[in-house]
């Protein structure tokens, strides 16, 4: 047998405090031209920012700092994205080349946010 192709099912362990922190604040924010904007939705493919009142236009590539809540502190990641839609003060952008550390951080925040939403009381659910 070549390699080790075992798959493990691992549940993400979170504490009640981190669940409350993720539930009470937006999943992330971005800093563009020294202005902070709230990210209302994100994945490792792109972001949705609302409200947005900047001067970027559709199909424009831009660089920004993605600020993610990791554990009990905020971490900043330098990113590049292309604007795909801009309407009604909502900006939708698709990431360009996303660094692996930023991709892992986004996946971590999404997984922990989903755990906080699915199990808001912090009590383990039994099947």
N, C-alpha and C. Protein backbone atom coordinates (compact mmCIF):
# COMPACT_ATOMS: atom_id res chain seq x y z
N UNK A 1 0.84 -1.17 0.00
CA UNK A 1 0.00 0.00 0.00
C UNK A 1 0.89 1.24 0.00
N UNK A 2 0.64 2.14 -0.94
CA UNK A 2 1.42 3.36 -1.05
C UNK A 2 0.69 4.50 -0.35
N UNK A 3 1.36 5.17 0.52
CA UNK A 3 0.76 6.31 1.21
C UNK A 3 -0.20 5.90 2.31
N UNK A 4 -0.69 6.87 2.99
CA UNK A 4 -1.63 6.63 4.08
C UNK A 4 -2.91 7.40 3.76
N UNK A 5 -3.90 6.74 3.23
CA UNK A 5 -5.12 7.39 2.77
C UNK A 5 -6.26 7.22 3.76
N UNK A 6 -6.01 7.42 5.01
CA UNK A 6 -7.05 7.32 6.01
C UNK A 6 -7.76 8.65 6.18
N UNK A 7 -9.03 8.59 6.36
CA UNK A 7 -9.82 9.80 6.57
C UNK A 7 -10.32 9.78 8.00
N UNK A 8 -10.14 10.90 8.69
CA UNK A 8 -10.61 10.99 10.07
C UNK A 8 -11.74 11.99 10.14
N UNK A 9 -12.76 11.63 10.89
CA UNK A 9 -13.83 12.58 11.18
C UNK A 9 -13.50 13.25 12.49
N UNK A 10 -13.20 14.52 12.41
CA UNK A 10 -12.80 15.28 13.59
C UNK A 10 -13.81 16.40 13.81
N UNK A 11 -14.38 16.46 15.00
CA UNK A 11 -15.28 17.56 15.33
C UNK A 11 -14.46 18.73 15.83
N UNK A 12 -14.86 19.90 15.45
CA UNK A 12 -14.16 21.11 15.87
C UNK A 12 -14.57 21.42 17.30
N UNK A 13 -13.59 21.55 18.17
CA UNK A 13 -13.88 21.85 19.57
C UNK A 13 -13.80 23.35 19.78
N UNK A 14 -14.87 23.91 20.31
CA UNK A 14 -14.89 25.32 20.62
C UNK A 14 -15.40 25.50 22.04
N UNK A 15 -15.05 26.60 22.63
CA UNK A 15 -15.54 26.90 23.96
C UNK A 15 -16.75 27.81 23.86
N UNK A 16 -17.51 27.89 24.90
CA UNK A 16 -18.71 28.73 24.89
C UNK A 16 -18.35 30.19 24.67
N UNK A 17 -17.24 30.63 25.22
CA UNK A 17 -16.82 32.03 25.05
C UNK A 17 -16.49 32.36 23.61
N UNK A 18 -15.80 31.47 22.92
CA UNK A 18 -15.47 31.74 21.52
C UNK A 18 -16.71 31.67 20.65
N UNK A 19 -17.66 30.81 21.01
CA UNK A 19 -18.91 30.74 20.26
C UNK A 19 -19.67 32.06 20.38
N UNK A 20 -19.74 32.58 21.60
CA UNK A 20 -20.45 33.84 21.82
C UNK A 20 -19.76 34.97 21.06
N UNK A 21 -18.45 34.97 21.04
CA UNK A 21 -17.70 36.02 20.35
C UNK A 21 -17.98 35.97 18.86
N UNK A 22 -18.00 34.78 18.28
CA UNK A 22 -18.26 34.65 16.86
C UNK A 22 -19.70 34.96 16.51
N UNK A 23 -20.61 34.65 17.41
CA UNK A 23 -22.03 34.88 17.14
C UNK A 23 -22.35 36.38 17.24
N UNK A 24 -21.67 37.10 18.10
CA UNK A 24 -22.00 38.50 18.37
C UNK A 24 -21.36 39.49 17.40
N UNK A 25 -20.39 39.08 16.63
CA UNK A 25 -19.75 40.02 15.73
C UNK A 25 -19.67 39.46 14.32
N UNK A 26 -19.46 40.31 13.32
CA UNK A 26 -19.40 39.83 11.95
C UNK A 26 -18.22 38.88 11.75
N UNK A 27 -18.29 38.04 10.73
CA UNK A 27 -17.23 37.05 10.54
C UNK A 27 -15.88 37.67 10.21
N UNK A 28 -15.87 38.86 9.65
CA UNK A 28 -14.60 39.49 9.29
C UNK A 28 -14.85 40.95 8.93
N UNK A 29 -13.76 41.63 8.68
CA UNK A 29 -13.84 42.99 8.13
C UNK A 29 -12.65 43.16 7.19
N UNK A 30 -12.75 44.14 6.31
CA UNK A 30 -11.65 44.42 5.41
C UNK A 30 -11.25 45.88 5.56
N UNK A 31 -9.99 46.14 5.27
CA UNK A 31 -9.47 47.50 5.33
C UNK A 31 -8.97 47.87 3.93
N UNK A 32 -9.67 48.81 3.30
CA UNK A 32 -9.33 49.29 1.96
C UNK A 32 -9.08 50.78 2.06
N UNK A 33 -7.92 51.21 1.63
CA UNK A 33 -7.56 52.64 1.66
C UNK A 33 -7.81 53.25 3.03
N UNK A 34 -7.38 52.58 4.07
CA UNK A 34 -7.49 52.98 5.47
C UNK A 34 -8.93 53.12 5.98
N UNK A 35 -9.90 52.54 5.25
CA UNK A 35 -11.30 52.52 5.71
C UNK A 35 -11.68 51.08 6.02
N UNK A 36 -12.43 50.89 7.11
CA UNK A 36 -12.89 49.56 7.50
C UNK A 36 -14.31 49.32 7.00
N UNK A 37 -14.54 48.12 6.44
CA UNK A 37 -15.85 47.71 5.97
C UNK A 37 -16.18 46.34 6.56
N UNK A 38 -17.46 46.09 6.78
CA UNK A 38 -17.91 44.83 7.37
C UNK A 38 -18.15 43.79 6.30
N UNK A 39 -17.61 42.59 6.52
CA UNK A 39 -17.85 41.46 5.62
C UNK A 39 -19.07 40.72 6.15
N UNK A 40 -20.13 40.61 5.34
CA UNK A 40 -21.34 39.94 5.78
C UNK A 40 -21.35 38.47 5.40
N UNK A 41 -20.56 38.09 4.41
CA UNK A 41 -20.46 36.68 4.01
C UNK A 41 -19.10 36.47 3.37
N UNK A 42 -18.55 35.27 3.55
CA UNK A 42 -17.26 34.98 2.95
C UNK A 42 -17.08 33.48 2.79
N UNK A 43 -16.21 33.13 1.89
CA UNK A 43 -15.76 31.76 1.70
C UNK A 43 -14.33 31.86 1.22
N UNK A 44 -13.72 30.72 0.92
CA UNK A 44 -12.36 30.80 0.40
C UNK A 44 -12.35 31.18 -1.08
N UNK A 45 -13.53 31.45 -1.66
CA UNK A 45 -13.63 31.90 -3.04
C UNK A 45 -13.78 33.42 -3.13
N UNK A 46 -14.43 34.03 -2.13
CA UNK A 46 -14.64 35.47 -2.20
C UNK A 46 -15.35 36.02 -0.98
N UNK A 47 -15.70 37.31 -1.05
CA UNK A 47 -16.32 38.01 0.07
C UNK A 47 -17.50 38.86 -0.40
N UNK A 48 -18.39 39.15 0.53
CA UNK A 48 -19.49 40.08 0.31
C UNK A 48 -19.39 41.15 1.39
N UNK A 49 -19.32 42.40 0.97
CA UNK A 49 -19.16 43.53 1.89
C UNK A 49 -20.40 44.40 1.79
N UNK A 50 -20.97 44.70 2.96
CA UNK A 50 -22.15 45.56 2.98
C UNK A 50 -22.21 46.30 4.30
N UNK A 51 -22.40 47.56 4.36
CA UNK A 51 -22.51 48.52 3.26
C UNK A 51 -21.12 48.94 2.77
N UNK A 52 -21.03 49.25 1.49
CA UNK A 52 -19.78 49.72 0.89
C UNK A 52 -20.04 51.05 0.22
N UNK A 53 -19.24 52.05 0.55
CA UNK A 53 -19.42 53.38 -0.03
C UNK A 53 -18.12 53.93 -0.60
N UNK A 54 -17.25 53.05 -1.05
CA UNK A 54 -15.97 53.47 -1.60
C UNK A 54 -16.07 53.79 -3.08
N UNK A 55 -14.90 53.93 -3.73
CA UNK A 55 -14.87 54.34 -5.13
C UNK A 55 -14.35 53.26 -6.07
N UNK A 56 -14.37 51.99 -5.67
CA UNK A 56 -13.96 50.91 -6.55
C UNK A 56 -15.05 50.62 -7.58
N UNK A 57 -14.65 50.05 -8.72
CA UNK A 57 -15.61 49.75 -9.79
C UNK A 57 -15.54 48.28 -10.16
N UNK A 58 -16.56 47.79 -10.88
CA UNK A 58 -16.63 46.39 -11.28
C UNK A 58 -15.45 46.05 -12.19
N UNK A 59 -14.93 44.84 -12.04
CA UNK A 59 -13.78 44.29 -12.77
C UNK A 59 -12.45 44.89 -12.33
N UNK A 60 -12.46 45.69 -11.29
CA UNK A 60 -11.23 46.28 -10.78
C UNK A 60 -10.59 45.32 -9.78
N UNK A 61 -9.29 45.16 -9.91
CA UNK A 61 -8.54 44.36 -8.94
C UNK A 61 -8.04 45.29 -7.86
N UNK A 62 -8.14 44.84 -6.60
CA UNK A 62 -7.70 45.70 -5.51
C UNK A 62 -7.06 44.85 -4.42
N UNK A 63 -6.20 45.48 -3.65
CA UNK A 63 -5.52 44.84 -2.52
C UNK A 63 -6.14 45.37 -1.24
N UNK A 64 -6.24 44.51 -0.24
CA UNK A 64 -6.85 44.90 1.02
C UNK A 64 -6.33 44.01 2.13
N UNK A 65 -6.58 44.43 3.36
CA UNK A 65 -6.27 43.62 4.53
C UNK A 65 -7.55 42.96 5.00
N UNK A 66 -7.55 41.63 5.07
CA UNK A 66 -8.68 40.87 5.59
C UNK A 66 -8.42 40.63 7.07
N UNK A 67 -9.31 41.12 7.93
CA UNK A 67 -9.13 41.01 9.38
C UNK A 67 -10.10 39.97 9.90
N UNK A 68 -9.55 38.86 10.41
CA UNK A 68 -10.35 37.72 10.86
C UNK A 68 -10.20 37.51 12.36
N UNK A 69 -11.29 37.18 13.06
CA UNK A 69 -11.19 36.86 14.49
C UNK A 69 -10.73 35.41 14.67
N UNK A 70 -9.47 35.24 15.04
CA UNK A 70 -8.90 33.91 15.28
C UNK A 70 -8.67 33.79 16.77
N UNK A 71 -9.29 32.78 17.38
CA UNK A 71 -9.28 32.59 18.82
C UNK A 71 -9.76 33.87 19.51
N UNK A 72 -8.93 34.50 20.32
CA UNK A 72 -9.38 35.70 21.03
C UNK A 72 -8.76 36.99 20.51
N UNK A 73 -8.14 36.94 19.33
CA UNK A 73 -7.55 38.16 18.78
C UNK A 73 -7.78 38.21 17.27
N UNK A 74 -7.67 39.40 16.74
CA UNK A 74 -7.85 39.61 15.31
C UNK A 74 -6.51 39.46 14.61
N UNK A 75 -6.54 38.77 13.46
CA UNK A 75 -5.34 38.62 12.64
C UNK A 75 -5.62 39.22 11.27
N UNK A 76 -4.61 39.85 10.70
CA UNK A 76 -4.76 40.52 9.42
C UNK A 76 -4.00 39.75 8.35
N UNK A 77 -4.61 39.62 7.17
CA UNK A 77 -4.01 38.92 6.04
C UNK A 77 -4.12 39.83 4.81
N UNK A 78 -3.02 39.97 4.09
CA UNK A 78 -3.02 40.79 2.88
C UNK A 78 -3.59 39.95 1.75
N UNK A 79 -4.61 40.48 1.04
CA UNK A 79 -5.30 39.73 -0.01
C UNK A 79 -5.46 40.59 -1.26
N UNK A 80 -5.80 39.89 -2.35
CA UNK A 80 -6.12 40.55 -3.61
C UNK A 80 -7.42 39.96 -4.12
N UNK A 81 -8.29 40.80 -4.66
CA UNK A 81 -9.57 40.32 -5.18
C UNK A 81 -9.98 41.17 -6.38
N UNK A 82 -10.93 40.63 -7.14
CA UNK A 82 -11.51 41.33 -8.28
C UNK A 82 -12.99 41.53 -8.01
N UNK A 83 -13.48 42.73 -8.19
CA UNK A 83 -14.89 43.03 -7.93
C UNK A 83 -15.74 42.42 -9.05
N UNK A 84 -16.71 41.62 -8.68
CA UNK A 84 -17.60 41.00 -9.66
C UNK A 84 -18.96 41.69 -9.73
N UNK A 85 -19.41 42.25 -8.62
CA UNK A 85 -20.70 42.95 -8.61
C UNK A 85 -20.64 44.06 -7.58
N UNK A 86 -21.28 45.18 -7.93
CA UNK A 86 -21.34 46.33 -7.04
C UNK A 86 -22.68 47.01 -7.26
N UNK A 87 -23.61 46.80 -6.31
CA UNK A 87 -24.93 47.41 -6.43
C UNK A 87 -25.56 47.58 -5.05
N UNK A 88 -26.36 48.62 -4.90
CA UNK A 88 -27.08 48.90 -3.66
C UNK A 88 -26.18 48.87 -2.43
N UNK A 89 -25.03 49.51 -2.53
CA UNK A 89 -24.05 49.57 -1.42
C UNK A 89 -23.58 48.18 -0.99
N UNK A 90 -23.59 47.22 -1.89
CA UNK A 90 -23.09 45.86 -1.63
C UNK A 90 -21.99 45.55 -2.64
N UNK A 91 -20.84 45.13 -2.14
CA UNK A 91 -19.70 44.79 -2.97
C UNK A 91 -19.48 43.28 -2.89
N UNK A 92 -19.37 42.63 -4.04
CA UNK A 92 -19.07 41.21 -4.10
C UNK A 92 -17.77 41.06 -4.87
N UNK A 93 -16.81 40.38 -4.26
CA UNK A 93 -15.49 40.25 -4.87
C UNK A 93 -15.02 38.80 -4.80
N UNK A 94 -14.25 38.42 -5.82
CA UNK A 94 -13.68 37.07 -5.91
C UNK A 94 -12.18 37.17 -5.66
N UNK A 95 -11.68 36.31 -4.78
CA UNK A 95 -10.25 36.32 -4.47
C UNK A 95 -9.43 35.95 -5.69
N UNK A 96 -8.24 36.54 -5.77
CA UNK A 96 -7.26 36.13 -6.77
C UNK A 96 -6.45 34.99 -6.17
N UNK A 97 -5.17 35.11 -6.21
CA UNK A 97 -4.30 34.11 -5.57
C UNK A 97 -4.39 34.30 -4.06
N UNK A 98 -4.95 33.31 -3.38
CA UNK A 98 -5.13 33.39 -1.93
C UNK A 98 -4.03 32.56 -1.27
N UNK A 99 -3.28 33.17 -0.38
CA UNK A 99 -2.21 32.45 0.32
C UNK A 99 -2.81 31.34 1.16
N UNK A 100 -2.04 30.29 1.38
CA UNK A 100 -2.55 29.12 2.10
C UNK A 100 -2.87 29.44 3.56
N UNK A 101 -2.09 30.31 4.21
CA UNK A 101 -2.39 30.64 5.60
C UNK A 101 -3.70 31.42 5.71
N UNK A 102 -3.99 32.27 4.74
CA UNK A 102 -5.25 33.00 4.73
C UNK A 102 -6.41 32.06 4.44
N UNK A 103 -6.23 31.13 3.52
CA UNK A 103 -7.28 30.15 3.20
C UNK A 103 -7.62 29.31 4.42
N UNK A 104 -6.61 28.85 5.14
CA UNK A 104 -6.84 28.06 6.36
C UNK A 104 -7.56 28.88 7.42
N UNK A 105 -7.20 30.15 7.56
CA UNK A 105 -7.84 31.02 8.55
C UNK A 105 -9.31 31.24 8.20
N UNK A 106 -9.61 31.43 6.93
CA UNK A 106 -11.01 31.60 6.50
C UNK A 106 -11.80 30.34 6.80
N UNK A 107 -11.24 29.19 6.48
CA UNK A 107 -11.92 27.92 6.74
C UNK A 107 -12.12 27.71 8.24
N UNK A 108 -11.17 28.12 9.04
CA UNK A 108 -11.27 28.00 10.50
C UNK A 108 -12.42 28.87 11.03
N UNK A 109 -12.49 30.12 10.56
CA UNK A 109 -13.54 31.03 11.01
C UNK A 109 -14.91 30.53 10.57
N UNK A 110 -15.02 30.05 9.35
CA UNK A 110 -16.30 29.54 8.85
C UNK A 110 -16.73 28.31 9.65
N UNK A 111 -15.82 27.39 9.91
CA UNK A 111 -16.16 26.18 10.66
C UNK A 111 -16.60 26.53 12.08
N UNK A 112 -15.89 27.44 12.74
CA UNK A 112 -16.25 27.81 14.11
C UNK A 112 -17.53 28.64 14.15
N UNK A 113 -17.74 29.44 13.14
CA UNK A 113 -18.98 30.23 13.08
C UNK A 113 -20.18 29.30 12.88
N UNK A 114 -20.03 28.29 12.02
CA UNK A 114 -21.11 27.32 11.82
C UNK A 114 -21.38 26.54 13.10
N UNK A 115 -20.35 26.20 13.85
CA UNK A 115 -20.53 25.50 15.12
C UNK A 115 -21.27 26.40 16.11
N UNK A 116 -20.97 27.68 16.10
CA UNK A 116 -21.63 28.62 17.02
C UNK A 116 -23.10 28.81 16.65
N UNK A 117 -23.40 28.78 15.37
CA UNK A 117 -24.78 28.97 14.93
C UNK A 117 -25.59 27.69 15.16
N UNK A 118 -25.00 26.53 14.86
CA UNK A 118 -25.73 25.28 15.00
C UNK A 118 -25.93 24.88 16.45
N UNK A 119 -25.00 25.26 17.32
CA UNK A 119 -25.08 24.86 18.73
C UNK A 119 -24.81 26.10 19.58
N UNK A 120 -25.76 27.05 19.63
CA UNK A 120 -25.49 28.33 20.29
C UNK A 120 -25.36 28.26 21.80
N UNK A 121 -25.91 27.28 22.45
CA UNK A 121 -25.87 27.24 23.91
C UNK A 121 -24.56 26.74 24.47
N UNK A 122 -23.71 26.15 23.66
CA UNK A 122 -22.44 25.64 24.14
C UNK A 122 -22.56 24.28 24.77
N UNK A 123 -23.73 23.67 24.73
CA UNK A 123 -23.94 22.35 25.30
C UNK A 123 -23.82 21.33 24.20
N UNK A 124 -23.08 20.28 24.47
CA UNK A 124 -22.88 19.25 23.45
C UNK A 124 -24.20 18.54 23.18
N UNK A 125 -24.50 18.38 21.90
CA UNK A 125 -25.71 17.67 21.51
C UNK A 125 -25.42 16.18 21.46
N UNK A 126 -26.35 15.40 21.96
CA UNK A 126 -26.18 13.95 21.92
C UNK A 126 -27.13 13.37 20.89
N UNK A 127 -26.66 12.41 20.12
CA UNK A 127 -27.50 11.85 19.06
C UNK A 127 -28.60 10.96 19.60
